[in-house]
Amino acid sequence: MPWEGSRGGLTGAVTDSAGAAIGPLAANPQTASVADAARAAMTDGVVLGGYVAAGFVLLGLIASFLIPSAPVADGDASGPAREAEWALH
């Protein structure tokens, strides 16, 4: 099996297979403890990823509340919209 050998090989096999190697590792009594550790590590990684994603969503929500809601008055307009208005006249 590709994960037999070094400890780094087991880690690489679980990581490269996105956890699919945990099942065969659990089936072998010699690597059952490795499967338990890999299962826990994958779970911790998914939880951490979820918290990071939730943090970015919260950051986006906060940023959306910081966008000013007052419209710009017609006399104060400048930039491409104002230039386009002058081009039409």
PDB file of N, CA and C in Angstrom:
ATOM      1  N   MET A   1       0.841  -1.175   0.000  1.00  0.00           N
ATOM      2  CA  MET A   1       0.000   0.000   0.000  1.00  0.00           C
ATOM      3  C   MET A   1       0.887   1.239   0.000  1.00  0.00           C
ATOM      4  N   PRO A   2       0.420   2.355  -0.574  1.00  0.00           N
ATOM      5  CA  PRO A   2       1.278   3.531  -0.710  1.00  0.00           C
ATOM      6  C   PRO A   2       1.637   4.185   0.615  1.00  0.00           C
ATOM      7  N   TRP A   3       0.840   3.983   1.654  1.00  0.00           N
ATOM      8  CA  TRP A   3       1.128   4.665   2.914  1.00  0.00           C
ATOM      9  C   TRP A   3       2.013   3.857   3.844  1.00  0.00           C
ATOM     10  N   GLU A   4       2.350   2.643   3.458  1.00  0.00           N
ATOM     11  CA  GLU A   4       3.220   1.841   4.305  1.00  0.00           C
ATOM     12  C   GLU A   4       4.632   2.412   4.234  1.00  0.00           C
ATOM     13  N   GLY A   5       5.277   2.488   5.364  1.00  0.00           N
ATOM     14  CA  GLY A   5       6.629   3.023   5.390  1.00  0.00           C
ATOM     15  C   GLY A   5       6.768   4.052   6.490  1.00  0.00           C
ATOM     16  N   SER A   6       7.070   5.244   6.112  1.00  0.00           N
ATOM     17  CA  SER A   6       7.360   6.281   7.099  1.00  0.00           C
ATOM     18  C   SER A   6       6.098   6.988   7.565  1.00  0.00           C
ATOM     19  N   ARG A   7       6.265   7.722   8.652  1.00  0.00           N
ATOM     20  CA  ARG A   7       5.164   8.501   9.197  1.00  0.00           C
ATOM     21  C   ARG A   7       4.753   9.595   8.217  1.00  0.00           C
ATOM     22  N   GLY A   8       5.722  10.183   7.533  1.00  0.00           N
ATOM     23  CA  GLY A   8       5.428  11.197   6.526  1.00  0.00           C
ATOM     24  C   GLY A   8       4.625  10.635   5.374  1.00  0.00           C
ATOM     25  N   GLY A   9       4.857   9.358   5.046  1.00  0.00           N
ATOM     26  CA  GLY A   9       4.088   8.720   3.987  1.00  0.00           C
ATOM     27  C   GLY A   9       2.631   8.572   4.358  1.00  0.00           C
ATOM     28  N   LEU A  10       2.356   8.271   5.621  1.00  0.00           N
ATOM     29  CA  LEU A  10       0.971   8.171   6.079  1.00  0.00           C
ATOM     30  C   LEU A  10       0.290   9.535   6.031  1.00  0.00           C
ATOM     31  N   THR A  11       0.997  10.537   6.490  1.00  0.00           N
ATOM     32  CA  THR A  11       0.434  11.889   6.461  1.00  0.00           C
ATOM     33  C   THR A  11       0.159  12.329   5.034  1.00  0.00           C
ATOM     34  N   GLY A  12       1.109  12.069   4.154  1.00  0.00           N
ATOM     35  CA  GLY A  12       0.922  12.434   2.750  1.00  0.00           C
ATOM     36  C   GLY A  12      -0.216  11.682   2.101  1.00  0.00           C
ATOM     37  N   ALA A  13      -0.369  10.424   2.439  1.00  0.00           N
ATOM     38  CA  ALA A  13      -1.452   9.628   1.847  1.00  0.00           C
ATOM     39  C   ALA A  13      -2.819  10.158   2.275  1.00  0.00           C
ATOM     40  N   VAL A  14      -2.957  10.494   3.556  1.00  0.00           N
ATOM     41  CA  VAL A  14      -4.243  11.010   4.042  1.00  0.00           C
ATOM     42  C   VAL A  14      -4.525  12.384   3.448  1.00  0.00           C
ATOM     43  N   THR A  15      -3.506  13.233   3.414  1.00  0.00           N
ATOM     44  CA  THR A  15      -3.694  14.581   2.884  1.00  0.00           C
ATOM     45  C   THR A  15      -3.978  14.553   1.386  1.00  0.00           C
ATOM     46  N   ASP A  16      -3.200  13.796   0.636  1.00  0.00           N
ATOM     47  CA  ASP A  16      -3.372  13.739  -0.813  1.00  0.00           C
ATOM     48  C   ASP A  16      -4.704  13.121  -1.220  1.00  0.00           C
ATOM     49  N   SER A  17      -5.235  12.232  -0.397  1.00  0.00           N
ATOM     50  CA  SER A  17      -6.498  11.581  -0.735  1.00  0.00           C
ATOM     51  C   SER A  17      -7.702  12.321  -0.169  1.00  0.00           C
ATOM     52  N   ALA A  18      -7.474  13.462   0.478  1.00  0.00           N
ATOM     53  CA  ALA A  18      -8.529  14.254   1.118  1.00  0.00           C
ATOM     54  C   ALA A  18      -9.330  13.402   2.106  1.00  0.00           C
ATOM     55  N   GLY A  19      -8.631  12.517   2.795  1.00  0.00           N
ATOM     56  CA  GLY A  19      -9.260  11.703   3.826  1.00  0.00           C
ATOM     57  C   GLY A  19      -9.752  10.353   3.365  1.00  0.00           C
ATOM     58  N   ALA A  20      -9.705  10.073   2.074  1.00  0.00           N
ATOM     59  CA  ALA A  20     -10.206   8.788   1.567  1.00  0.00           C
ATOM     60  C   ALA A  20      -9.351   7.614   2.036  1.00  0.00           C
ATOM     61  N   ALA A  21      -8.115   7.868   2.426  1.00  0.00           N
ATOM     62  CA  ALA A  21      -7.226   6.796   2.891  1.00  0.00           C
ATOM     63  C   ALA A  21      -7.507   6.397   4.333  1.00  0.00           C
ATOM     64  N   ILE A  22      -8.365   7.108   5.020  1.00  0.00           N
ATOM     65  CA  ILE A  22      -8.642   6.795   6.429  1.00  0.00           C
ATOM     66  C   ILE A  22      -9.349   5.452   6.567  1.00  0.00           C
ATOM     67  N   GLY A  23     -10.265   5.149   5.677  1.00  0.00           N
ATOM     68  CA  GLY A  23     -10.990   3.873   5.729  1.00  0.00           C
ATOM     69  C   GLY A  23     -10.075   2.662   5.668  1.00  0.00           C
ATOM     70  N   PRO A  24      -9.209   2.579   4.661  1.00  0.00           N
ATOM     71  CA  PRO A  24      -8.272   1.450   4.620  1.00  0.00           C
ATOM     72  C   PRO A  24      -7.302   1.427   5.798  1.00  0.00           C
ATOM     73  N   LEU A  25      -6.922   2.599   6.285  1.00  0.00           N
ATOM     74  CA  LEU A  25      -6.054   2.636   7.460  1.00  0.00           C
ATOM     75  C   LEU A  25      -6.778   2.079   8.689  1.00  0.00           C
ATOM     76  N   ALA A  26      -8.056   2.384   8.820  1.00  0.00           N
ATOM     77  CA  ALA A  26      -8.835   1.902   9.965  1.00  0.00           C
ATOM     78  C   ALA A  26      -9.068   0.397   9.876  1.00  0.00           C
ATOM     79  N   ALA A  27      -9.126  -0.140   8.668  1.00  0.00           N
ATOM     80  CA  ALA A  27      -9.362  -1.569   8.489  1.00  0.00           C
ATOM     81  C   ALA A  27      -8.166  -2.413   8.906  1.00  0.00           C
ATOM     82  N   ASN A  28      -6.981  -1.847   8.865  1.00  0.00           N
ATOM     83  CA  ASN A  28      -5.766  -2.560   9.240  1.00  0.00           C
ATOM     84  C   ASN A  28      -5.492  -2.332  10.729  1.00  0.00           C
ATOM     85  N   PRO A  29      -5.446  -3.395  11.550  1.00  0.00           N
ATOM     86  CA  PRO A  29      -5.218  -3.211  12.989  1.00  0.00           C
ATOM     87  C   PRO A  29      -3.888  -2.512  13.318  1.00  0.00           C
ATOM     88  N   GLN A  30      -2.900  -2.649  12.460  1.00  0.00           N
ATOM     89  CA  GLN A  30      -1.613  -2.006  12.715  1.00  0.00           C
ATOM     90  C   GLN A  30      -1.659  -0.500  12.509  1.00  0.00           C
ATOM     91  N   THR A  31      -2.581  -0.022  11.713  1.00  0.00           N
ATOM     92  CA  THR A  31      -2.667   1.418  11.433  1.00  0.00           C
ATOM     93  C   THR A  31      -3.966   2.037  11.945  1.00  0.00           C
ATOM     94  N   ALA A  32      -4.700   1.330  12.800  1.00  0.00           N
ATOM     95  CA  ALA A  32      -5.969   1.850  13.312  1.00  0.00           C
ATOM     96  C   ALA A  32      -5.765   3.124  14.123  1.00  0.00           C
ATOM     97  N   SER A  33      -4.683   3.192  14.897  1.00  0.00           N
ATOM     98  CA  SER A  33      -4.444   4.409  15.692  1.00  0.00           C
ATOM     99  C   SER A  33      -4.113   5.591  14.779  1.00  0.00           C
ATOM    100  N   VAL A  34      -3.440   5.305  13.673  1.00  0.00           N
ATOM    101  CA  VAL A  34      -3.150   6.362  12.702  1.00  0.00           C
ATOM    102  C   VAL A  34      -4.451   6.862  12.080  1.00  0.00           C
ATOM    103  N   ALA A  35      -5.372   5.943  11.803  1.00  0.00           N
ATOM    104  CA  ALA A  35      -6.665   6.329  11.234  1.00  0.00           C
ATOM    105  C   ALA A  35      -7.441   7.209  12.195  1.00  0.00           C
ATOM    106  N   ASP A  36      -7.406   6.878  13.485  1.00  0.00           N
ATOM    107  CA  ASP A  36      -8.095   7.708  14.477  1.00  0.00           C
ATOM    108  C   ASP A  36      -7.495   9.112  14.519  1.00  0.00           C
ATOM    109  N   ALA A  37      -6.176   9.188  14.504  1.00  0.00           N
ATOM    110  CA  ALA A  37      -5.517  10.499  14.522  1.00  0.00           C
ATOM    111  C   ALA A  37      -5.809  11.285  13.247  1.00  0.00           C
ATOM    112  N   ALA A  38      -5.810  10.591  12.119  1.00  0.00           N
ATOM    113  CA  ALA A  38      -6.109  11.258  10.849  1.00  0.00           C
ATOM    114  C   ALA A  38      -7.545  11.747  10.809  1.00  0.00           C
ATOM    115  N   ARG A  39      -8.456  10.950  11.321  1.00  0.00           N
ATOM    116  CA  ARG A  39      -9.871  11.353  11.370  1.00  0.00           C
ATOM    117  C   ARG A  39     -10.038  12.599  12.235  1.00  0.00           C
ATOM    118  N   ALA A  40      -9.372  12.618  13.388  1.00  0.00           N
ATOM    119  CA  ALA A  40      -9.454  13.780  14.279  1.00  0.00           C
ATOM    120  C   ALA A  40      -8.826  15.015  13.622  1.00  0.00           C
ATOM    121  N   ALA A  41      -7.701  14.818  12.930  1.00  0.00           N
ATOM    122  CA  ALA A  41      -7.044  15.949  12.268  1.00  0.00           C
ATOM    123  C   ALA A  41      -7.905  16.516  11.143  1.00  0.00           C
ATOM    124  N   MET A  42      -8.531  15.645  10.376  1.00  0.00           N
ATOM    125  CA  MET A  42      -9.398  16.118   9.288  1.00  0.00           C
ATOM    126  C   MET A  42     -10.598  16.878   9.854  1.00  0.00           C
ATOM    127  N   THR A  43     -11.156  16.370  10.944  1.00  0.00           N
ATOM    128  CA  THR A  43     -12.286  17.049  11.583  1.00  0.00           C
ATOM    129  C   THR A  43     -11.872  18.421  12.094  1.00  0.00           C
ATOM    130  N   ASP A  44     -10.719  18.481  12.741  1.00  0.00           N
ATOM    131  CA  ASP A  44     -10.233  19.766  13.240  1.00  0.00           C
ATOM    132  C   ASP A  44      -9.989  20.749  12.102  1.00  0.00           C
ATOM    133  N   GLY A  45      -9.475  20.259  10.991  1.00  0.00           N
ATOM    134  CA  GLY A  45      -9.239  21.120   9.836  1.00  0.00           C
ATOM    135  C   GLY A  45     -10.526  21.670   9.245  1.00  0.00           C
ATOM    136  N   VAL A  46     -11.552  20.829   9.171  1.00  0.00           N
ATOM    137  CA  VAL A  46     -12.842  21.281   8.645  1.00  0.00           C
ATOM    138  C   VAL A  46     -13.467  22.315   9.586  1.00  0.00           C
ATOM    139  N   VAL A  47     -13.362  22.074  10.891  1.00  0.00           N
ATOM    140  CA  VAL A  47     -13.913  23.024  11.861  1.00  0.00           C
ATOM    141  C   VAL A  47     -13.190  24.367  11.762  1.00  0.00           C
ATOM    142  N   LEU A  48     -11.865  24.323  11.686  1.00  0.00           N
ATOM    143  CA  LEU A  48     -11.090  25.558  11.562  1.00  0.00           C
ATOM    144  C   LEU A  48     -11.454  26.300  10.280  1.00  0.00           C
ATOM    145  N   GLY A  49     -11.576  25.564   9.184  1.00  0.00           N
ATOM    146  CA  GLY A  49     -11.982  26.189   7.926  1.00  0.00           C
ATOM    147  C   GLY A  49     -13.354  26.837   8.019  1.00  0.00           C
ATOM    148  N   GLY A  50     -14.259  26.201   8.733  1.00  0.00           N
ATOM    149  CA  GLY A  50     -15.590  26.778   8.924  1.00  0.00           C
ATOM    150  C   GLY A  50     -15.552  28.062   9.720  1.00  0.00           C
ATOM    151  N   TYR A  51     -14.735  28.087  10.768  1.00  0.00           N
ATOM    152  CA  TYR A  51     -14.607  29.307  11.571  1.00  0.00           C
ATOM    153  C   TYR A  51     -13.962  30.438  10.771  1.00  0.00           C
ATOM    154  N   VAL A  52     -12.966  30.117   9.970  1.00  0.00           N
ATOM    155  CA  VAL A  52     -12.329  31.139   9.133  1.00  0.00           C
ATOM    156  C   VAL A  52     -13.330  31.688   8.126  1.00  0.00           C
ATOM    157  N   ALA A  53     -14.110  30.810   7.499  1.00  0.00           N
ATOM    158  CA  ALA A  53     -15.119  31.254   6.536  1.00  0.00           C
ATOM    159  C   ALA A  53     -16.172  32.125   7.217  1.00  0.00           C
ATOM    160  N   ALA A  54     -16.609  31.732   8.403  1.00  0.00           N
ATOM    161  CA  ALA A  54     -17.589  32.538   9.135  1.00  0.00           C
ATOM    162  C   ALA A  54     -17.011  33.906   9.487  1.00  0.00           C
ATOM    163  N   GLY A  55     -15.729  33.935   9.808  1.00  0.00           N
ATOM    164  CA  GLY A  55     -15.075  35.215  10.102  1.00  0.00           C
ATOM    165  C   GLY A  55     -15.074  36.136   8.903  1.00  0.00           C
ATOM    166  N   PHE A  56     -14.803  35.577   7.708  1.00  0.00           N
ATOM    167  CA  PHE A  56     -14.832  36.400   6.504  1.00  0.00           C
ATOM    168  C   PHE A  56     -16.241  36.891   6.187  1.00  0.00           C
ATOM    169  N   VAL A  57     -17.236  36.060   6.413  1.00  0.00           N
ATOM    170  CA  VAL A  57     -18.620  36.493   6.199  1.00  0.00           C
ATOM    171  C   VAL A  57     -18.969  37.627   7.157  1.00  0.00           C
ATOM    172  N   LEU A  58     -18.569  37.495   8.412  1.00  0.00           N
ATOM    173  CA  LEU A  58     -18.820  38.542   9.403  1.00  0.00           C
ATOM    174  C   LEU A  58     -18.091  39.823   9.023  1.00  0.00           C
ATOM    175  N   LEU A  59     -16.863  39.698   8.563  1.00  0.00           N
ATOM    176  CA  LEU A  59     -16.107  40.868   8.129  1.00  0.00           C
ATOM    177  C   LEU A  59     -16.796  41.559   6.958  1.00  0.00           C
ATOM    178  N   GLY A  60     -17.317  40.788   6.020  1.00  0.00           N
ATOM    179  CA  GLY A  60     -18.055  41.362   4.902  1.00  0.00           C
ATOM    180  C   GLY A  60     -19.339  42.046   5.348  1.00  0.00           C
ATOM    181  N   LEU A  61     -20.009  41.461   6.329  1.00  0.00           N
ATOM    182  CA  LEU A  61     -21.225  42.076   6.849  1.00  0.00           C
ATOM    183  C   LEU A  61     -20.920  43.404   7.518  1.00  0.00           C
ATOM    184  N   ILE A  62     -19.864  43.424   8.307  1.00  0.00           N
ATOM    185  CA  ILE A  62     -19.466  44.677   8.961  1.00  0.00           C
ATOM    186  C   ILE A  62     -19.075  45.720   7.917  1.00  0.00           C
ATOM    187  N   ALA A  63     -18.329  45.307   6.913  1.00  0.00           N
ATOM    188  CA  ALA A  63     -17.923  46.240   5.864  1.00  0.00           C
ATOM    189  C   ALA A  63     -19.129  46.792   5.114  1.00  0.00           C
ATOM    190  N   SER A  64     -20.171  45.977   4.913  1.00  0.00           N
ATOM    191  CA  SER A  64     -21.357  46.464   4.204  1.00  0.00           C
ATOM    192  C   SER A  64     -22.104  47.513   5.012  1.00  0.00           C
ATOM    193  N   PHE A  65     -22.034  47.435   6.337  1.00  0.00           N
ATOM    194  CA  PHE A  65     -22.675  48.454   7.156  1.00  0.00           C
ATOM    195  C   PHE A  65     -21.873  49.751   7.175  1.00  0.00           C
ATOM    196  N   LEU A  66     -20.617  49.700   6.818  1.00  0.00           N
ATOM    197  CA  LEU A  66     -19.782  50.896   6.793  1.00  0.00           C
ATOM    198  C   LEU A  66     -19.886  51.660   5.473  1.00  0.00           C
ATOM    199  N   ILE A  67     -20.601  51.114   4.500  1.00  0.00           N
ATOM    200  CA  ILE A  67     -20.799  51.814   3.230  1.00  0.00           C
ATOM    201  C   ILE A  67     -21.812  52.926   3.468  1.00  0.00           C
ATOM    202  N   PRO A  68     -21.472  54.160   3.108  1.00  0.00           N
ATOM    203  CA  PRO A  68     -22.411  55.262   3.345  1.00  0.00           C
ATOM    204  C   PRO A  68     -23.683  55.084   2.521  1.00  0.00           C
ATOM    205  N   SER A  69     -24.810  55.390   3.153  1.00  0.00           N
ATOM    206  CA  SER A  69     -26.089  55.203   2.466  1.00  0.00           C
ATOM    207  C   SER A  69     -26.640  56.492   1.883  1.00  0.00           C
ATOM    208  N   ALA A  70     -26.032  57.641   2.186  1.00  0.00           N
ATOM    209  CA  ALA A  70     -26.529  58.913   1.672  1.00  0.00           C
ATOM    210  C   ALA A  70     -26.150  59.049   0.202  1.00  0.00           C
ATOM    211  N   PRO A  71     -27.129  59.314  -0.659  1.00  0.00           N
ATOM    212  CA  PRO A  71     -26.807  59.489  -2.078  1.00  0.00           C
ATOM    213  C   PRO A  71     -26.062  60.806  -2.307  1.00  0.00           C
ATOM    214  N   VAL A  72     -25.295  60.862  -3.362  1.00  0.00           N
ATOM    215  CA  VAL A  72     -24.560  62.068  -3.724  1.00  0.00           C
ATOM    216  C   VAL A  72     -25.524  63.017  -4.418  1.00  0.00           C
ATOM    217  N   ALA A  73     -25.503  64.290  -4.030  1.00  0.00           N
ATOM    218  CA  ALA A  73     -26.379  65.291  -4.644  1.00  0.00           C
ATOM    219  C   ALA A  73     -25.966  65.500  -6.095  1.00  0.00           C
ATOM    220  N   ASP A  74     -26.915  65.936  -6.941  1.00  0.00           N
ATOM    221  CA  ASP A  74     -26.641  66.128  -8.367  1.00  0.00           C
ATOM    222  C   ASP A  74     -25.525  67.129  -8.612  1.00  0.00           C
ATOM    223  N   GLY A  75     -25.472  68.186  -7.836  1.00  0.00           N
ATOM    224  CA  GLY A  75     -24.452  69.207  -8.026  1.00  0.00           C
ATOM    225  C   GLY A  75     -23.076  68.733  -7.607  1.00  0.00           C
ATOM    226  N   ASP A  76     -23.009  67.701  -6.797  1.00  0.00           N
ATOM    227  CA  ASP A  76     -21.734  67.219  -6.292  1.00  0.00           C
ATOM    228  C   ASP A  76     -21.159  66.089  -7.125  1.00  0.00           C
ATOM    229  N   ALA A  77     -21.863  65.649  -8.134  1.00  0.00           N
ATOM    230  CA  ALA A  77     -21.406  64.490  -8.903  1.00  0.00           C
ATOM    231  C   ALA A  77     -20.167  64.840  -9.709  1.00  0.00           C
ATOM    232  N   SER A  78     -19.259  63.928  -9.756  1.00  0.00           N
ATOM    233  CA  SER A  78     -18.057  64.105 -10.567  1.00  0.00           C
ATOM    234  C   SER A  78     -17.630  62.733 -11.063  1.00  0.00           C
ATOM    235  N   GLY A  79     -16.645  62.690 -11.902  1.00  0.00           N
ATOM    236  CA  GLY A  79     -16.149  61.412 -12.383  1.00  0.00           C
ATOM    237  C   GLY A  79     -16.803  61.015 -13.684  1.00  0.00           C
ATOM    238  N   PRO A  80     -16.787  59.737 -13.999  1.00  0.00           N
ATOM    239  CA  PRO A  80     -17.300  59.253 -15.294  1.00  0.00           C
ATOM    240  C   PRO A  80     -18.770  59.556 -15.520  1.00  0.00           C
ATOM    241  N   ALA A  81     -19.606  59.491 -14.477  1.00  0.00           N
ATOM    242  CA  ALA A  81     -21.036  59.754 -14.661  1.00  0.00           C
ATOM    243  C   ALA A  81     -21.255  61.212 -15.043  1.00  0.00           C
ATOM    244  N   ARG A  82     -20.546  62.115 -14.394  1.00  0.00           N
ATOM    245  CA  ARG A  82     -20.690  63.541 -14.689  1.00  0.00           C
ATOM    246  C   ARG A  82     -20.148  63.846 -16.088  1.00  0.00           C
ATOM    247  N   GLU A  83     -19.038  63.233 -16.468  1.00  0.00           N
ATOM    248  CA  GLU A  83     -18.472  63.450 -17.789  1.00  0.00           C
ATOM    249  C   GLU A  83     -19.410  62.925 -18.871  1.00  0.00           C
ATOM    250  N   ALA A  84     -20.079  61.796 -18.621  1.00  0.00           N
ATOM    251  CA  ALA A  84     -21.015  61.250 -19.598  1.00  0.00           C
ATOM    252  C   ALA A  84     -22.206  62.180 -19.758  1.00  0.00           C
ATOM    253  N   GLU A  85     -22.647  62.806 -18.673  1.00  0.00           N
ATOM    254  CA  GLU A  85     -23.771  63.727 -18.731  1.00  0.00           C
ATOM    255  C   GLU A  85     -23.406  64.956 -19.596  1.00  0.00           C
ATOM    256  N   TRP A  86     -22.191  65.469 -19.445  1.00  0.00           N
ATOM    257  CA  TRP A  86     -21.746  66.605 -20.240  1.00  0.00           C
ATOM    258  C   TRP A  86     -21.606  66.219 -21.721  1.00  0.00           C
ATOM    259  N   ALA A  87     -21.203  65.009 -21.998  1.00  0.00           N
ATOM    260  CA  ALA A  87     -21.031  64.564 -23.371  1.00  0.00           C
ATOM    261  C   ALA A  87     -22.355  64.488 -24.102  1.00  0.00           C
ATOM    262  N   LEU A  88     -23.453  64.245 -23.387  1.00  0.00           N
ATOM    263  CA  LEU A  88     -24.773  64.140 -24.005  1.00  0.00           C
ATOM    264  C   LEU A  88     -25.340  65.504 -24.357  1.00  0.00           C
ATOM    265  N   HIS A  89     -24.845  66.578 -23.740  1.00  0.00           N
ATOM    266  CA  HIS A  89     -25.388  67.917 -23.976  1.00  0.00           C
ATOM    267  C   HIS A  89     -24.654  68.626 -25.044  1.00  0.00           C
TER     268      HIS A  89
END
